[in-house]
């Protein structure tokens, strides 16, 4: 299990999820059952389900960050960096996979861009990852736009990739190479 880590942005901090955060995760996913519409999971039915999943996740090398506001410690969502075991087995695969969600009341305020930019910086600069992947349900236009805005490029569609509740969904895949991210960060801003 990785140690507790914290990443900071202008308005937010991302902290390794703790068991004490399970209540906030359950509160948000209960308040917004459609939050998982474009996710591979269904909303948890109770607190114990959230806690069980949290305890299972702690056994992996994945980084599970909760997203909190600096001005009030409000829990906004989570972002996960997965597949570190691939990095350790084969240096040629020095890549990770991102998944994320943000509560509906905090969408459209630039938080997603802030979160993704910092997590990509963390992966590429701090962890020395060569490539970051992400996938979205083909219907999830908001996440696709966010990935493109952060410097990812679309690499293709996996047809009927996700099976959720008896229905197959396509997955649009994105990648971000370390050199593309670094160039995107240092590119002059167009006014």
N, C-alpha and C. Protein backbone atom coordinates (compact mmCIF):
# COMPACT_ATOMS: atom_id res chain seq x y z
N UNK A 1 0.85 -1.18 0.00
CA UNK A 1 0.00 0.00 0.00
C UNK A 1 0.89 1.24 0.00
N UNK A 2 0.63 2.21 -0.91
CA UNK A 2 1.45 3.42 -0.93
C UNK A 2 1.22 4.26 0.33
N UNK A 3 2.21 5.06 0.64
CA UNK A 3 2.08 5.97 1.79
C UNK A 3 1.09 7.07 1.46
N UNK A 4 0.67 7.79 2.48
CA UNK A 4 -0.25 8.91 2.26
C UNK A 4 0.49 10.01 1.52
N UNK A 5 -0.15 10.49 0.45
CA UNK A 5 0.42 11.55 -0.36
C UNK A 5 -0.60 12.67 -0.47
N UNK A 6 -0.09 13.88 -0.69
CA UNK A 6 -0.97 15.01 -0.94
C UNK A 6 -0.41 15.84 -2.08
N UNK A 7 -1.29 16.20 -3.01
CA UNK A 7 -0.95 17.08 -4.11
C UNK A 7 -1.77 18.35 -3.96
N UNK A 8 -1.20 19.47 -4.35
CA UNK A 8 -1.89 20.75 -4.18
C UNK A 8 -2.03 21.48 -5.50
N UNK A 9 -3.19 22.10 -5.69
CA UNK A 9 -3.43 23.00 -6.80
C UNK A 9 -3.79 24.35 -6.21
N UNK A 10 -4.17 25.28 -7.04
CA UNK A 10 -4.53 26.61 -6.54
C UNK A 10 -5.70 26.57 -5.56
N UNK A 11 -6.75 25.82 -5.90
CA UNK A 11 -7.96 25.82 -5.07
C UNK A 11 -8.23 24.50 -4.36
N UNK A 12 -7.47 23.46 -4.70
CA UNK A 12 -7.79 22.12 -4.22
C UNK A 12 -6.57 21.43 -3.64
N UNK A 13 -6.84 20.38 -2.87
CA UNK A 13 -5.77 19.44 -2.55
C UNK A 13 -6.31 18.04 -2.80
N UNK A 14 -5.41 17.18 -3.25
CA UNK A 14 -5.72 15.79 -3.53
C UNK A 14 -4.93 14.97 -2.53
N UNK A 15 -5.65 14.18 -1.74
CA UNK A 15 -5.02 13.41 -0.68
C UNK A 15 -5.36 11.95 -0.85
N UNK A 16 -4.39 11.09 -0.55
CA UNK A 16 -4.66 9.65 -0.56
C UNK A 16 -5.90 9.39 0.28
N UNK A 17 -6.86 8.68 -0.30
CA UNK A 17 -8.09 8.40 0.43
C UNK A 17 -7.81 7.60 1.69
N UNK A 18 -8.55 7.92 2.73
CA UNK A 18 -8.46 7.21 4.01
C UNK A 18 -9.81 6.57 4.30
N UNK A 19 -9.81 5.62 5.19
CA UNK A 19 -11.06 4.95 5.54
C UNK A 19 -12.11 5.95 6.02
N UNK A 20 -11.67 7.01 6.67
CA UNK A 20 -12.60 8.04 7.16
C UNK A 20 -13.33 8.75 6.02
N UNK A 21 -12.83 8.65 4.79
CA UNK A 21 -13.47 9.30 3.64
C UNK A 21 -14.61 8.47 3.06
N UNK A 22 -14.77 7.24 3.50
CA UNK A 22 -15.80 6.37 2.94
C UNK A 22 -17.20 6.98 3.11
N UNK A 23 -17.43 7.64 4.22
CA UNK A 23 -18.73 8.27 4.45
C UNK A 23 -19.03 9.36 3.43
N UNK A 24 -18.03 10.16 3.09
CA UNK A 24 -18.21 11.21 2.09
C UNK A 24 -18.44 10.63 0.70
N UNK A 25 -17.72 9.57 0.38
CA UNK A 25 -17.93 8.92 -0.91
C UNK A 25 -19.35 8.39 -0.99
N UNK A 26 -19.80 7.73 0.06
CA UNK A 26 -21.16 7.20 0.06
C UNK A 26 -22.19 8.33 0.00
N UNK A 27 -21.95 9.40 0.73
CA UNK A 27 -22.88 10.54 0.74
C UNK A 27 -23.04 11.10 -0.68
N UNK A 28 -21.93 11.32 -1.37
CA UNK A 28 -21.99 11.90 -2.71
C UNK A 28 -22.62 10.94 -3.72
N UNK A 29 -22.22 9.68 -3.68
CA UNK A 29 -22.76 8.74 -4.66
C UNK A 29 -24.23 8.44 -4.38
N UNK A 30 -24.68 8.62 -3.15
CA UNK A 30 -26.10 8.46 -2.83
C UNK A 30 -26.89 9.69 -3.27
N UNK A 31 -26.31 10.86 -3.05
CA UNK A 31 -26.99 12.10 -3.42
C UNK A 31 -27.12 12.25 -4.94
N UNK A 32 -26.16 11.69 -5.67
CA UNK A 32 -26.14 11.79 -7.13
C UNK A 32 -26.00 10.39 -7.74
N UNK A 33 -27.08 9.61 -7.74
CA UNK A 33 -26.96 8.24 -8.25
C UNK A 33 -26.56 8.18 -9.72
N UNK A 34 -26.79 9.24 -10.48
CA UNK A 34 -26.39 9.26 -11.90
C UNK A 34 -24.90 9.54 -12.07
N UNK A 35 -24.19 9.77 -10.97
CA UNK A 35 -22.76 10.08 -11.05
C UNK A 35 -22.00 8.95 -11.74
N UNK A 36 -22.52 7.74 -11.66
CA UNK A 36 -21.82 6.59 -12.26
C UNK A 36 -22.36 6.22 -13.63
N UNK A 37 -23.17 7.10 -14.22
CA UNK A 37 -23.77 6.80 -15.52
C UNK A 37 -22.71 6.40 -16.55
N UNK A 38 -21.59 7.11 -16.57
CA UNK A 38 -20.52 6.82 -17.52
C UNK A 38 -19.33 6.16 -16.84
N UNK A 39 -19.57 5.44 -15.78
CA UNK A 39 -18.53 4.71 -15.05
C UNK A 39 -18.78 3.22 -15.18
N UNK A 40 -17.76 2.43 -14.92
CA UNK A 40 -17.92 0.97 -15.01
C UNK A 40 -18.61 0.40 -13.78
N UNK A 41 -18.85 1.22 -12.76
CA UNK A 41 -19.47 0.76 -11.52
C UNK A 41 -20.85 1.37 -11.35
N UNK A 42 -21.66 0.73 -10.53
CA UNK A 42 -22.96 1.25 -10.14
C UNK A 42 -22.81 1.91 -8.77
N UNK A 43 -23.70 2.84 -8.42
CA UNK A 43 -23.59 3.48 -7.11
C UNK A 43 -23.66 2.44 -5.99
N UNK A 44 -22.87 2.61 -4.95
CA UNK A 44 -22.93 1.66 -3.83
C UNK A 44 -24.30 1.70 -3.15
N UNK A 45 -24.72 0.56 -2.67
CA UNK A 45 -26.02 0.46 -2.03
C UNK A 45 -26.00 0.87 -0.56
N UNK A 46 -24.80 0.84 0.05
CA UNK A 46 -24.70 1.18 1.46
C UNK A 46 -23.24 1.54 1.81
N UNK A 47 -23.06 2.05 2.99
CA UNK A 47 -21.72 2.45 3.45
C UNK A 47 -20.76 1.27 3.48
N UNK A 48 -21.23 0.09 3.92
CA UNK A 48 -20.36 -1.08 4.01
C UNK A 48 -19.78 -1.47 2.66
N UNK A 49 -20.55 -1.27 1.60
CA UNK A 49 -20.04 -1.57 0.26
C UNK A 49 -18.88 -0.64 -0.11
N UNK A 50 -19.01 0.64 0.24
CA UNK A 50 -17.93 1.61 -0.02
C UNK A 50 -16.70 1.23 0.79
N UNK A 51 -16.89 0.91 2.05
CA UNK A 51 -15.77 0.55 2.93
C UNK A 51 -15.08 -0.71 2.42
N UNK A 52 -15.84 -1.70 2.01
CA UNK A 52 -15.26 -2.95 1.50
C UNK A 52 -14.39 -2.67 0.27
N UNK A 53 -14.90 -1.86 -0.64
CA UNK A 53 -14.14 -1.52 -1.86
C UNK A 53 -12.87 -0.76 -1.48
N UNK A 54 -12.99 0.16 -0.52
CA UNK A 54 -11.81 0.91 -0.06
C UNK A 54 -10.75 -0.04 0.48
N UNK A 55 -11.14 -0.99 1.31
CA UNK A 55 -10.18 -1.94 1.90
C UNK A 55 -9.55 -2.82 0.83
N UNK A 56 -10.31 -3.20 -0.18
CA UNK A 56 -9.75 -3.98 -1.29
C UNK A 56 -8.73 -3.14 -2.07
N UNK A 57 -9.06 -1.88 -2.32
CA UNK A 57 -8.17 -1.00 -3.07
C UNK A 57 -6.85 -0.76 -2.35
N UNK A 58 -6.87 -0.77 -1.03
CA UNK A 58 -5.65 -0.54 -0.24
C UNK A 58 -4.60 -1.63 -0.46
N UNK A 59 -5.03 -2.77 -0.95
CA UNK A 59 -4.11 -3.89 -1.17
C UNK A 59 -3.31 -3.74 -2.47
N UNK A 60 -3.63 -2.73 -3.26
CA UNK A 60 -2.97 -2.54 -4.56
C UNK A 60 -1.94 -1.42 -4.48
N UNK A 61 -1.17 -1.27 -5.55
CA UNK A 61 -0.24 -0.15 -5.67
C UNK A 61 -0.90 1.08 -6.29
N UNK A 62 -2.17 0.97 -6.65
CA UNK A 62 -2.88 2.09 -7.25
C UNK A 62 -2.92 3.27 -6.28
N UNK A 63 -2.96 4.47 -6.83
CA UNK A 63 -3.07 5.69 -6.02
C UNK A 63 -4.50 6.19 -6.13
N UNK A 64 -5.22 6.19 -5.02
CA UNK A 64 -6.60 6.65 -4.95
C UNK A 64 -6.62 7.97 -4.19
N UNK A 65 -6.86 9.05 -4.93
CA UNK A 65 -6.87 10.38 -4.32
C UNK A 65 -8.30 10.89 -4.18
N UNK A 66 -8.61 11.44 -3.00
CA UNK A 66 -9.82 12.21 -2.83
C UNK A 66 -9.50 13.65 -3.19
N UNK A 67 -10.49 14.36 -3.70
CA UNK A 67 -10.32 15.75 -4.10
C UNK A 67 -11.10 16.61 -3.12
N UNK A 68 -10.41 17.60 -2.51
CA UNK A 68 -10.99 18.44 -1.48
C UNK A 68 -10.71 19.91 -1.77
N UNK A 69 -11.64 20.78 -1.37
CA UNK A 69 -11.41 22.22 -1.51
C UNK A 69 -10.50 22.69 -0.39
N UNK A 70 -9.63 23.63 -0.71
CA UNK A 70 -8.75 24.19 0.32
C UNK A 70 -9.51 25.12 1.26
N UNK A 71 -10.56 25.76 0.76
CA UNK A 71 -11.25 26.75 1.57
C UNK A 71 -12.34 26.19 2.46
N UNK A 72 -12.58 24.87 2.43
CA UNK A 72 -13.61 24.33 3.30
C UNK A 72 -13.54 22.84 3.51
N UNK A 73 -12.52 22.20 2.96
CA UNK A 73 -12.36 20.76 3.05
C UNK A 73 -13.55 19.99 2.50
N UNK A 74 -14.28 20.58 1.54
CA UNK A 74 -15.39 19.87 0.91
C UNK A 74 -14.85 18.76 0.01
N UNK A 75 -15.46 17.60 0.09
CA UNK A 75 -15.09 16.47 -0.76
C UNK A 75 -15.79 16.62 -2.10
N UNK A 76 -15.01 16.66 -3.21
CA UNK A 76 -15.57 16.90 -4.53
C UNK A 76 -15.63 15.66 -5.41
N UNK A 77 -14.76 14.68 -5.15
CA UNK A 77 -14.70 13.50 -6.01
C UNK A 77 -13.40 12.75 -5.80
N UNK A 78 -13.03 11.99 -6.81
CA UNK A 78 -11.80 11.21 -6.67
C UNK A 78 -11.15 11.00 -8.03
N UNK A 79 -9.86 10.71 -7.98
CA UNK A 79 -9.11 10.36 -9.17
C UNK A 79 -8.16 9.23 -8.79
N UNK A 80 -8.06 8.25 -9.67
CA UNK A 80 -7.24 7.08 -9.39
C UNK A 80 -6.20 6.90 -10.49
N UNK A 81 -4.98 6.59 -10.07
CA UNK A 81 -3.89 6.26 -10.98
C UNK A 81 -3.64 4.77 -10.81
N UNK A 82 -3.86 4.01 -11.89
CA UNK A 82 -3.82 2.54 -11.82
C UNK A 82 -2.67 1.94 -12.62
N UNK A 83 -2.44 0.69 -12.33
CA UNK A 83 -1.55 -0.20 -13.10
C UNK A 83 -0.07 0.06 -12.87
N UNK A 84 0.29 0.42 -11.66
CA UNK A 84 1.71 0.59 -11.34
C UNK A 84 2.47 -0.73 -11.46
N UNK A 85 1.80 -1.85 -11.25
CA UNK A 85 2.50 -3.13 -11.34
C UNK A 85 3.08 -3.35 -12.73
N UNK A 86 2.47 -2.78 -13.76
CA UNK A 86 3.02 -2.91 -15.11
C UNK A 86 4.35 -2.17 -15.23
N UNK A 87 4.46 -1.04 -14.52
CA UNK A 87 5.70 -0.28 -14.54
C UNK A 87 6.84 -1.12 -13.96
N UNK A 88 6.56 -1.84 -12.92
CA UNK A 88 7.60 -2.57 -12.22
C UNK A 88 8.01 -3.85 -12.96
N UNK A 89 7.12 -4.41 -13.75
CA UNK A 89 7.43 -5.65 -14.44
C UNK A 89 8.19 -5.42 -15.74
N UNK A 90 7.97 -4.29 -16.37
CA UNK A 90 8.54 -4.08 -17.69
C UNK A 90 8.72 -2.58 -17.92
N UNK A 91 9.95 -2.12 -17.90
CA UNK A 91 10.21 -0.68 -18.03
C UNK A 91 9.67 -0.13 -19.34
N UNK A 92 9.54 -0.97 -20.35
CA UNK A 92 9.00 -0.50 -21.63
C UNK A 92 7.53 -0.11 -21.52
N UNK A 93 6.85 -0.58 -20.49
CA UNK A 93 5.44 -0.27 -20.30
C UNK A 93 5.25 0.82 -19.25
N UNK A 94 6.20 1.64 -19.08
CA UNK A 94 6.19 2.66 -18.02
C UNK A 94 5.02 3.62 -18.21
N UNK A 95 3.80 3.10 -17.94
CA UNK A 95 2.59 3.88 -18.15
C UNK A 95 1.58 3.58 -17.05
N UNK A 96 0.61 4.47 -16.93
CA UNK A 96 -0.46 4.31 -15.95
C UNK A 96 -1.79 4.67 -16.61
N UNK A 97 -2.87 4.32 -15.94
CA UNK A 97 -4.22 4.57 -16.43
C UNK A 97 -4.96 5.42 -15.42
N UNK A 98 -5.63 6.47 -15.87
CA UNK A 98 -6.39 7.36 -14.97
C UNK A 98 -7.88 7.07 -15.06
N UNK A 99 -8.54 7.17 -13.92
CA UNK A 99 -10.00 7.22 -13.88
C UNK A 99 -10.38 8.26 -12.84
N UNK A 100 -11.50 8.95 -13.08
CA UNK A 100 -11.87 10.06 -12.20
C UNK A 100 -13.36 10.35 -12.27
N UNK A 101 -13.86 10.97 -11.21
CA UNK A 101 -15.21 11.51 -11.20
C UNK A 101 -15.27 12.70 -10.26
N UNK A 102 -16.19 13.58 -10.56
CA UNK A 102 -16.36 14.83 -9.82
C UNK A 102 -17.85 15.02 -9.58
N UNK A 103 -18.23 15.46 -8.39
CA UNK A 103 -19.65 15.64 -8.08
C UNK A 103 -20.27 16.67 -9.03
N UNK A 104 -21.51 16.46 -9.43
CA UNK A 104 -22.15 17.35 -10.41
C UNK A 104 -22.16 18.82 -10.01
N UNK A 105 -22.31 19.13 -8.74
CA UNK A 105 -22.37 20.55 -8.35
C UNK A 105 -21.03 21.25 -8.49
N UNK A 106 -19.96 20.50 -8.70
CA UNK A 106 -18.64 21.10 -8.86
C UNK A 106 -18.11 21.00 -10.28
N UNK A 107 -18.92 20.50 -11.18
CA UNK A 107 -18.51 20.42 -12.58
C UNK A 107 -18.71 21.77 -13.25
N UNK A 108 -17.94 22.03 -14.30
CA UNK A 108 -18.07 23.27 -15.04
C UNK A 108 -17.43 24.47 -14.38
N UNK A 109 -16.60 24.25 -13.38
CA UNK A 109 -15.95 25.36 -12.65
C UNK A 109 -14.43 25.35 -12.81
N UNK A 110 -13.92 24.51 -13.71
CA UNK A 110 -12.48 24.42 -13.94
C UNK A 110 -11.76 23.48 -13.00
N UNK A 111 -12.48 22.84 -12.08
CA UNK A 111 -11.83 21.92 -11.14
C UNK A 111 -11.25 20.71 -11.86
N UNK A 112 -11.97 20.19 -12.86
CA UNK A 112 -11.49 19.02 -13.57
C UNK A 112 -10.15 19.26 -14.23
N UNK A 113 -10.01 20.42 -14.87
CA UNK A 113 -8.74 20.77 -15.51
C UNK A 113 -7.64 20.89 -14.47
N UNK A 114 -7.96 21.52 -13.35
CA UNK A 114 -6.99 21.69 -12.26
C UNK A 114 -6.52 20.33 -11.73
N UNK A 115 -7.47 19.42 -11.53
CA UNK A 115 -7.17 18.09 -10.99
C UNK A 115 -6.32 17.30 -11.98
N UNK A 116 -6.77 17.21 -13.22
CA UNK A 116 -6.04 16.41 -14.21
C UNK A 116 -4.65 16.96 -14.46
N UNK A 117 -4.51 18.27 -14.54
CA UNK A 117 -3.19 18.86 -14.77
C UNK A 117 -2.23 18.49 -13.65
N UNK A 118 -2.69 18.56 -12.42
CA UNK A 118 -1.81 18.24 -11.29
C UNK A 118 -1.48 16.76 -11.24
N UNK A 119 -2.46 15.89 -11.48
CA UNK A 119 -2.19 14.45 -11.44
C UNK A 119 -1.26 14.05 -12.58
N UNK A 120 -1.41 14.65 -13.74
CA UNK A 120 -0.49 14.37 -14.85
C UNK A 120 0.92 14.85 -14.50
N UNK A 121 1.03 16.01 -13.90
CA UNK A 121 2.34 16.52 -13.46
C UNK A 121 2.96 15.54 -12.48
N UNK A 122 2.19 15.10 -11.51
CA UNK A 122 2.64 14.14 -10.50
C UNK A 122 3.15 12.85 -11.16
N UNK A 123 2.38 12.31 -12.09
CA UNK A 123 2.77 11.06 -12.76
C UNK A 123 4.03 11.24 -13.59
N UNK A 124 4.10 12.31 -14.36
CA UNK A 124 5.19 12.49 -15.31
C UNK A 124 6.44 13.06 -14.66
N UNK A 125 6.28 14.05 -13.82
CA UNK A 125 7.45 14.70 -13.21
C UNK A 125 7.93 13.93 -11.96
N UNK A 126 7.04 13.64 -11.04
CA UNK A 126 7.43 13.00 -9.78
C UNK A 126 7.68 11.50 -9.95
N UNK A 127 6.79 10.81 -10.65
CA UNK A 127 6.89 9.35 -10.77
C UNK A 127 7.65 8.91 -12.01
N UNK A 128 7.96 9.83 -12.90
CA UNK A 128 8.73 9.54 -14.13
C UNK A 128 8.00 8.56 -15.05
N UNK A 129 6.68 8.68 -15.13
CA UNK A 129 5.88 7.86 -16.02
C UNK A 129 6.05 8.37 -17.44
N UNK A 130 6.12 7.46 -18.39
CA UNK A 130 6.33 7.80 -19.80
C UNK A 130 5.03 8.14 -20.51
N UNK A 131 3.93 7.46 -20.12
CA UNK A 131 2.66 7.65 -20.81
C UNK A 131 1.51 7.46 -19.84
N UNK A 132 0.47 8.27 -20.03
CA UNK A 132 -0.75 8.15 -19.23
C UNK A 132 -1.90 7.85 -20.19
N UNK A 133 -2.69 6.84 -19.85
CA UNK A 133 -3.87 6.49 -20.63
C UNK A 133 -5.13 6.87 -19.86
N UNK A 134 -6.21 7.07 -20.57
CA UNK A 134 -7.52 7.25 -19.97
C UNK A 134 -8.55 6.75 -20.97
N UNK A 135 -9.68 6.32 -20.46
CA UNK A 135 -10.77 5.85 -21.32
C UNK A 135 -12.08 6.42 -20.83
N UNK A 136 -13.00 6.65 -21.74
CA UNK A 136 -14.32 7.15 -21.37
C UNK A 136 -15.37 6.33 -22.12
N UNK A 137 -16.56 6.27 -21.56
CA UNK A 137 -17.68 5.76 -22.33
C UNK A 137 -17.83 6.70 -23.52
N UNK A 138 -18.19 6.18 -24.67
CA UNK A 138 -18.26 7.01 -25.88
C UNK A 138 -19.27 8.15 -25.73
N UNK A 139 -20.24 8.00 -24.87
CA UNK A 139 -21.26 9.05 -24.65
C UNK A 139 -20.78 10.17 -23.73
N UNK A 140 -19.67 9.98 -23.06
CA UNK A 140 -19.21 10.94 -22.04
C UNK A 140 -18.41 12.08 -22.67
N UNK A 141 -19.11 12.99 -23.31
CA UNK A 141 -18.47 14.10 -24.04
C UNK A 141 -17.75 15.07 -23.10
N UNK A 142 -18.27 15.25 -21.90
CA UNK A 142 -17.63 16.18 -20.95
C UNK A 142 -16.23 15.70 -20.57
N UNK A 143 -16.08 14.43 -20.23
CA UNK A 143 -14.76 13.91 -19.87
C UNK A 143 -13.82 13.90 -21.07
N UNK A 144 -14.36 13.62 -22.24
CA UNK A 144 -13.54 13.63 -23.45
C UNK A 144 -12.98 15.03 -23.69
N UNK A 145 -13.83 16.06 -23.55
CA UNK A 145 -13.37 17.43 -23.72
C UNK A 145 -12.32 17.81 -22.69
N UNK A 146 -12.51 17.36 -21.47
CA UNK A 146 -11.56 17.64 -20.40
C UNK A 146 -10.20 17.01 -20.69
N UNK A 147 -10.20 15.78 -21.15
CA UNK A 147 -8.94 15.11 -21.48
C UNK A 147 -8.21 15.85 -22.62
N UNK A 148 -8.94 16.24 -23.65
CA UNK A 148 -8.32 16.98 -24.76
C UNK A 148 -7.77 18.32 -24.29
N UNK A 149 -8.52 19.00 -23.44
CA UNK A 149 -8.08 20.30 -22.91
C UNK A 149 -6.79 20.17 -22.09
N UNK A 150 -6.61 19.04 -21.46
CA UNK A 150 -5.43 18.81 -20.62
C UNK A 150 -4.23 18.33 -21.43
N UNK A 151 -4.41 18.09 -22.72
CA UNK A 151 -3.28 17.71 -23.56
C UNK A 151 -3.30 16.28 -24.06
N UNK A 152 -4.29 15.48 -23.63
CA UNK A 152 -4.41 14.11 -24.14
C UNK A 152 -4.81 14.15 -25.60
N UNK A 153 -4.53 13.07 -26.30
CA UNK A 153 -5.02 12.94 -27.67
C UNK A 153 -5.79 11.63 -27.78
N UNK A 154 -6.82 11.66 -28.59
CA UNK A 154 -7.64 10.47 -28.82
C UNK A 154 -6.85 9.47 -29.66
N UNK A 155 -6.85 8.21 -29.23
CA UNK A 155 -6.10 7.19 -29.98
C UNK A 155 -7.00 6.12 -30.57
N UNK A 156 -8.28 6.14 -30.27
CA UNK A 156 -9.16 5.17 -30.89
C UNK A 156 -10.33 4.79 -30.01
N UNK A 157 -11.15 3.90 -30.54
CA UNK A 157 -12.34 3.43 -29.84
C UNK A 157 -12.29 1.91 -29.72
N UNK A 158 -12.50 1.43 -28.53
CA UNK A 158 -12.64 -0.01 -28.29
C UNK A 158 -14.14 -0.32 -28.33
N UNK A 159 -14.55 -1.04 -29.33
CA UNK A 159 -15.97 -1.31 -29.52
C UNK A 159 -16.47 -2.33 -28.50
N UNK A 160 -17.64 -2.03 -27.96
CA UNK A 160 -18.30 -2.92 -26.99
C UNK A 160 -17.31 -3.37 -25.92
N UNK A 161 -16.62 -2.42 -25.35
CA UNK A 161 -15.55 -2.72 -24.40
C UNK A 161 -16.06 -2.93 -22.97
N UNK A 162 -17.00 -2.10 -22.55
CA UNK A 162 -17.54 -2.19 -21.18
C UNK A 162 -18.88 -2.92 -21.22
N UNK A 163 -19.06 -3.87 -20.31
CA UNK A 163 -20.36 -4.50 -20.13
C UNK A 163 -20.87 -4.03 -18.78
N UNK A 164 -21.94 -3.24 -18.82
CA UNK A 164 -22.51 -2.71 -17.59
C UNK A 164 -24.01 -2.92 -17.62
N UNK A 165 -24.51 -3.57 -16.60
CA UNK A 165 -25.94 -3.82 -16.46
C UNK A 165 -26.53 -4.47 -17.71
N UNK A 166 -25.77 -5.41 -18.29
CA UNK A 166 -26.25 -6.16 -19.44
C UNK A 166 -26.14 -5.45 -20.78
N UNK A 167 -25.53 -4.27 -20.82
CA UNK A 167 -25.40 -3.50 -22.06
C UNK A 167 -23.92 -3.26 -22.34
N UNK A 168 -23.52 -3.45 -23.60
CA UNK A 168 -22.15 -3.17 -24.01
C UNK A 168 -22.02 -1.71 -24.42
N UNK A 169 -20.91 -1.10 -24.01
CA UNK A 169 -20.61 0.30 -24.36
C UNK A 169 -19.24 0.38 -24.99
N UNK A 170 -19.10 1.29 -25.95
CA UNK A 170 -17.80 1.56 -26.55
C UNK A 170 -16.98 2.41 -25.59
N UNK A 171 -15.66 2.30 -25.69
CA UNK A 171 -14.74 3.10 -24.89
C UNK A 171 -13.83 3.90 -25.82
N UNK A 172 -13.84 5.22 -25.67
CA UNK A 172 -12.93 6.08 -26.41
C UNK A 172 -11.66 6.21 -25.57
N UNK A 173 -10.51 5.93 -26.16
CA UNK A 173 -9.24 5.90 -25.44
C UNK A 173 -8.38 7.11 -25.77
N UNK A 174 -7.64 7.56 -24.76
CA UNK A 174 -6.78 8.73 -24.86
C UNK A 174 -5.41 8.40 -24.28
N UNK A 175 -4.40 9.12 -24.76
CA UNK A 175 -3.06 8.97 -24.19
C UNK A 175 -2.41 10.34 -24.09
N UNK A 176 -1.47 10.41 -23.17
CA UNK A 176 -0.66 11.61 -22.99
C UNK A 176 0.78 11.16 -22.76
N UNK A 177 1.66 11.46 -23.71
CA UNK A 177 3.08 11.15 -23.54
C UNK A 177 3.72 12.20 -22.67
N UNK A 178 4.77 11.80 -21.95
CA UNK A 178 5.43 12.75 -21.05
C UNK A 178 5.91 13.98 -21.81
N UNK A 179 6.51 13.80 -23.00
CA UNK A 179 7.03 14.96 -23.73
C UNK A 179 5.91 15.88 -24.23
N UNK A 180 4.74 15.31 -24.53
CA UNK A 180 3.61 16.14 -24.94
C UNK A 180 3.09 16.97 -23.77
N UNK A 181 3.03 16.35 -22.60
CA UNK A 181 2.58 17.09 -21.42
C UNK A 181 3.54 18.22 -21.09
N UNK A 182 4.83 17.94 -21.09
CA UNK A 182 5.82 18.96 -20.78
C UNK A 182 5.78 20.09 -21.80
N UNK A 183 5.59 19.79 -23.07
CA UNK A 183 5.48 20.82 -24.10
C UNK A 183 4.17 21.62 -23.93
N UNK A 184 3.08 20.94 -23.57
CA UNK A 184 1.79 21.60 -23.35
C UNK A 184 1.88 22.58 -22.18
N UNK A 185 2.61 22.19 -21.13
CA UNK A 185 2.75 23.05 -19.94
C UNK A 185 3.59 24.28 -20.23
N UNK A 186 4.59 24.17 -21.09
CA UNK A 186 5.48 25.30 -21.33
C UNK A 186 5.13 26.11 -22.55
N UNK A 187 4.09 25.67 -23.29
CA UNK A 187 3.70 26.43 -24.49
C UNK A 187 3.19 27.80 -24.08
N UNK A 188 3.52 28.83 -24.85
CA UNK A 188 3.02 30.17 -24.53
C UNK A 188 1.50 30.21 -24.60
N UNK A 189 0.89 30.94 -23.70
CA UNK A 189 -0.56 31.07 -23.66
C UNK A 189 -0.99 32.06 -24.75
N UNK A 190 -1.98 31.64 -25.54
CA UNK A 190 -2.50 32.50 -26.60
C UNK A 190 -3.60 33.37 -26.01
N UNK A 191 -3.49 34.68 -26.23
CA UNK A 191 -4.52 35.57 -25.64
C UNK A 191 -5.51 36.02 -26.68
